[in-house]
Amino acid sequence: MKAGSISFHSGHLIHDPGANMTPGRRAAMIQMMPDNMIFNGKQNIVTKKQMTELKAGVSVFNDDNINPILYKKL
């Protein structure tokens, strides 16, 4: 990929972007989830603080600061 390019792919895709040879880290990650996601109570990518705030069996979208809704179907 050329410098400044962007890639969208499945998180299950095996990929090797190579080492970042520039000073400083520049990265962003977006995870798309269906709007009916329910927290299962297992810690995965959530922080310890989020674990205390999330409740098993409840929607993960109760806090727009953590999981903002990017768009809704009309």
N, C-alpha and C. Protein backbone atom coordinates (compact mmCIF):
# COMPACT_ATOMS: atom_id res chain seq x y z
N MET A 1 0.83 -1.18 0.00
CA MET A 1 0.00 0.00 0.00
C MET A 1 0.88 1.25 0.00
N LYS A 2 0.38 2.28 -0.63
CA LYS A 2 1.10 3.55 -0.64
C LYS A 2 0.90 4.28 0.69
N ALA A 3 1.85 5.12 1.05
CA ALA A 3 1.73 5.94 2.26
C ALA A 3 0.44 6.75 2.18
N GLY A 4 -0.29 6.79 3.29
CA GLY A 4 -1.55 7.54 3.34
C GLY A 4 -2.75 6.72 2.91
N SER A 5 -2.53 5.49 2.48
CA SER A 5 -3.64 4.63 2.06
C SER A 5 -4.38 4.10 3.28
N ILE A 6 -5.55 3.54 3.03
CA ILE A 6 -6.37 2.97 4.09
C ILE A 6 -6.86 1.61 3.63
N SER A 7 -7.04 0.71 4.57
CA SER A 7 -7.51 -0.64 4.25
C SER A 7 -8.67 -1.00 5.17
N PHE A 8 -9.72 -1.54 4.60
CA PHE A 8 -10.84 -2.08 5.38
C PHE A 8 -10.88 -3.58 5.13
N HIS A 9 -10.86 -4.35 6.20
CA HIS A 9 -10.89 -5.80 6.04
C HIS A 9 -11.45 -6.45 7.29
N SER A 10 -11.80 -7.69 7.16
CA SER A 10 -12.30 -8.48 8.29
C SER A 10 -11.19 -8.66 9.31
N GLY A 11 -11.55 -8.59 10.59
CA GLY A 11 -10.58 -8.83 11.65
C GLY A 11 -10.07 -10.26 11.66
N HIS A 12 -10.74 -11.15 10.95
CA HIS A 12 -10.32 -12.55 10.87
C HIS A 12 -9.31 -12.78 9.74
N LEU A 13 -9.10 -11.76 8.91
CA LEU A 13 -8.17 -11.88 7.80
C LEU A 13 -6.73 -11.83 8.31
N ILE A 14 -5.95 -12.82 7.93
CA ILE A 14 -4.53 -12.81 8.28
C ILE A 14 -3.85 -11.79 7.37
N HIS A 15 -3.18 -10.81 7.98
CA HIS A 15 -2.54 -9.77 7.19
C HIS A 15 -1.27 -9.31 7.90
N ASP A 16 -0.36 -8.76 7.13
CA ASP A 16 0.90 -8.26 7.67
C ASP A 16 1.18 -6.90 7.05
N PRO A 17 0.85 -5.84 7.78
CA PRO A 17 1.06 -4.52 7.22
C PRO A 17 2.53 -4.10 7.20
N GLY A 18 3.39 -4.85 7.84
CA GLY A 18 4.80 -4.47 7.90
C GLY A 18 5.04 -3.47 9.03
N ALA A 19 6.29 -3.25 9.32
CA ALA A 19 6.66 -2.36 10.42
C ALA A 19 6.41 -0.90 10.05
N ASN A 20 6.01 -0.11 11.04
CA ASN A 20 5.86 1.33 10.86
C ASN A 20 7.25 1.94 10.98
N MET A 21 7.77 2.46 9.90
CA MET A 21 9.13 3.01 9.89
C MET A 21 9.13 4.52 10.11
N THR A 22 7.98 5.11 10.40
CA THR A 22 7.89 6.54 10.64
C THR A 22 7.92 6.81 12.15
N PRO A 23 8.28 8.03 12.54
CA PRO A 23 8.29 8.34 13.98
C PRO A 23 6.86 8.41 14.53
N GLY A 24 6.65 7.81 15.66
CA GLY A 24 5.33 7.86 16.29
C GLY A 24 4.36 6.86 15.70
N ARG A 25 3.38 6.53 16.50
CA ARG A 25 2.37 5.57 16.06
C ARG A 25 1.17 6.32 15.49
N ARG A 26 0.67 5.86 14.37
CA ARG A 26 -0.53 6.42 13.78
C ARG A 26 -1.44 5.27 13.39
N ALA A 27 -2.50 5.13 14.14
CA ALA A 27 -3.41 4.02 13.86
C ALA A 27 -4.81 4.39 14.33
N ALA A 28 -5.78 3.77 13.71
CA ALA A 28 -7.17 3.91 14.12
C ALA A 28 -7.85 2.58 13.85
N MET A 29 -8.83 2.25 14.66
CA MET A 29 -9.56 1.00 14.46
C MET A 29 -11.04 1.27 14.65
N ILE A 30 -11.82 0.75 13.74
CA ILE A 30 -13.28 0.85 13.82
C ILE A 30 -13.82 -0.56 13.78
N GLN A 31 -14.68 -0.89 14.71
CA GLN A 31 -15.34 -2.19 14.69
C GLN A 31 -16.82 -1.95 14.48
N MET A 32 -17.37 -2.54 13.44
CA MET A 32 -18.79 -2.41 13.14
C MET A 32 -19.53 -3.56 13.81
N MET A 33 -20.63 -3.23 14.50
CA MET A 33 -21.42 -4.24 15.20
C MET A 33 -22.89 -4.03 14.90
N PRO A 34 -23.66 -5.09 14.83
CA PRO A 34 -25.10 -4.92 14.64
C PRO A 34 -25.71 -4.23 15.86
N ASP A 35 -26.80 -3.49 15.64
CA ASP A 35 -27.38 -2.69 16.72
C ASP A 35 -28.09 -3.50 17.80
N ASN A 36 -28.16 -4.81 17.63
CA ASN A 36 -28.82 -5.64 18.65
C ASN A 36 -27.80 -6.42 19.50
N MET A 37 -26.56 -5.93 19.55
CA MET A 37 -25.51 -6.62 20.32
C MET A 37 -25.81 -6.57 21.81
N ILE A 38 -25.67 -7.71 22.47
CA ILE A 38 -25.88 -7.83 23.91
C ILE A 38 -24.55 -8.29 24.53
N PHE A 39 -24.15 -7.64 25.63
CA PHE A 39 -22.91 -8.00 26.31
C PHE A 39 -23.06 -9.36 26.98
N ASN A 40 -22.09 -10.25 26.75
CA ASN A 40 -22.18 -11.62 27.30
C ASN A 40 -21.51 -11.77 28.66
N GLY A 41 -20.92 -10.69 29.19
CA GLY A 41 -20.31 -10.75 30.51
C GLY A 41 -18.85 -11.17 30.52
N LYS A 42 -18.29 -11.53 29.36
CA LYS A 42 -16.90 -11.98 29.29
C LYS A 42 -15.99 -10.81 28.91
N GLN A 43 -14.87 -10.68 29.62
CA GLN A 43 -13.93 -9.62 29.28
C GLN A 43 -13.16 -10.03 28.04
N ASN A 44 -13.16 -9.15 27.05
CA ASN A 44 -12.38 -9.39 25.84
C ASN A 44 -11.58 -8.12 25.55
N ILE A 45 -12.10 -7.23 24.74
CA ILE A 45 -11.37 -6.00 24.42
C ILE A 45 -11.78 -4.84 25.32
N VAL A 46 -12.71 -5.06 26.22
CA VAL A 46 -13.16 -3.97 27.09
C VAL A 46 -12.18 -3.80 28.25
N THR A 47 -12.10 -2.58 28.76
CA THR A 47 -11.20 -2.29 29.87
C THR A 47 -11.80 -2.78 31.18
N LYS A 48 -10.99 -2.79 32.23
CA LYS A 48 -11.49 -3.17 33.56
C LYS A 48 -12.59 -2.22 34.01
N LYS A 49 -12.41 -0.93 33.72
CA LYS A 49 -13.43 0.07 34.08
C LYS A 49 -14.74 -0.23 33.35
N GLN A 50 -14.66 -0.53 32.05
CA GLN A 50 -15.87 -0.85 31.29
C GLN A 50 -16.53 -2.11 31.82
N MET A 51 -15.72 -3.06 32.29
CA MET A 51 -16.28 -4.30 32.86
C MET A 51 -17.16 -4.00 34.07
N THR A 52 -16.81 -2.97 34.84
CA THR A 52 -17.63 -2.63 36.01
C THR A 52 -18.91 -1.92 35.61
N GLU A 53 -18.92 -1.33 34.41
CA GLU A 53 -20.09 -0.56 33.97
C GLU A 53 -21.04 -1.38 33.10
N LEU A 54 -20.51 -2.35 32.36
CA LEU A 54 -21.36 -3.17 31.49
C LEU A 54 -22.04 -4.27 32.30
N LYS A 55 -23.24 -4.61 31.90
CA LYS A 55 -24.00 -5.67 32.57
C LYS A 55 -24.33 -6.76 31.56
N ALA A 56 -24.10 -8.01 31.95
CA ALA A 56 -24.39 -9.14 31.06
C ALA A 56 -25.87 -9.14 30.71
N GLY A 57 -26.16 -9.40 29.44
CA GLY A 57 -27.54 -9.46 28.96
C GLY A 57 -28.12 -8.12 28.58
N VAL A 58 -27.33 -7.06 28.67
CA VAL A 58 -27.79 -5.70 28.36
C VAL A 58 -27.09 -5.21 27.10
N SER A 59 -27.76 -4.35 26.34
CA SER A 59 -27.19 -3.79 25.12
C SER A 59 -25.86 -3.09 25.40
N VAL A 60 -24.92 -3.24 24.48
CA VAL A 60 -23.63 -2.56 24.61
C VAL A 60 -23.71 -1.11 24.12
N PHE A 61 -24.85 -0.70 23.64
CA PHE A 61 -25.00 0.63 23.06
C PHE A 61 -25.63 1.64 24.01
N ASN A 62 -25.61 1.37 25.31
CA ASN A 62 -26.19 2.29 26.27
C ASN A 62 -25.34 3.53 26.50
N ASP A 63 -24.08 3.51 26.09
CA ASP A 63 -23.17 4.64 26.31
C ASP A 63 -22.59 5.09 24.97
N ASP A 64 -23.09 6.21 24.45
CA ASP A 64 -22.62 6.71 23.16
C ASP A 64 -21.17 7.18 23.20
N ASN A 65 -20.62 7.42 24.39
CA ASN A 65 -19.21 7.81 24.47
C ASN A 65 -18.30 6.63 24.15
N ILE A 66 -18.75 5.42 24.45
CA ILE A 66 -17.96 4.22 24.18
C ILE A 66 -18.30 3.66 22.80
N ASN A 67 -19.59 3.54 22.51
CA ASN A 67 -20.05 2.94 21.26
C ASN A 67 -21.03 3.87 20.55
N PRO A 68 -20.51 4.90 19.88
CA PRO A 68 -21.42 5.81 19.17
C PRO A 68 -22.07 5.11 17.98
N ILE A 69 -23.30 5.45 17.72
CA ILE A 69 -24.00 4.91 16.55
C ILE A 69 -23.61 5.77 15.35
N LEU A 70 -23.01 5.15 14.35
CA LEU A 70 -22.54 5.88 13.18
C LEU A 70 -23.67 6.20 12.21
N TYR A 71 -24.60 5.27 12.07
CA TYR A 71 -25.74 5.50 11.20
C TYR A 71 -26.87 4.57 11.60
N LYS A 72 -28.07 4.94 11.23
CA LYS A 72 -29.25 4.10 11.46
C LYS A 72 -29.97 3.92 10.14
N LYS A 73 -30.53 2.74 9.95
CA LYS A 73 -31.38 2.52 8.78
C LYS A 73 -32.68 3.25 9.00
N LEU A 74 -33.18 3.88 7.97
CA LEU A 74 -34.46 4.59 8.08
C LEU A 74 -35.62 3.68 7.81
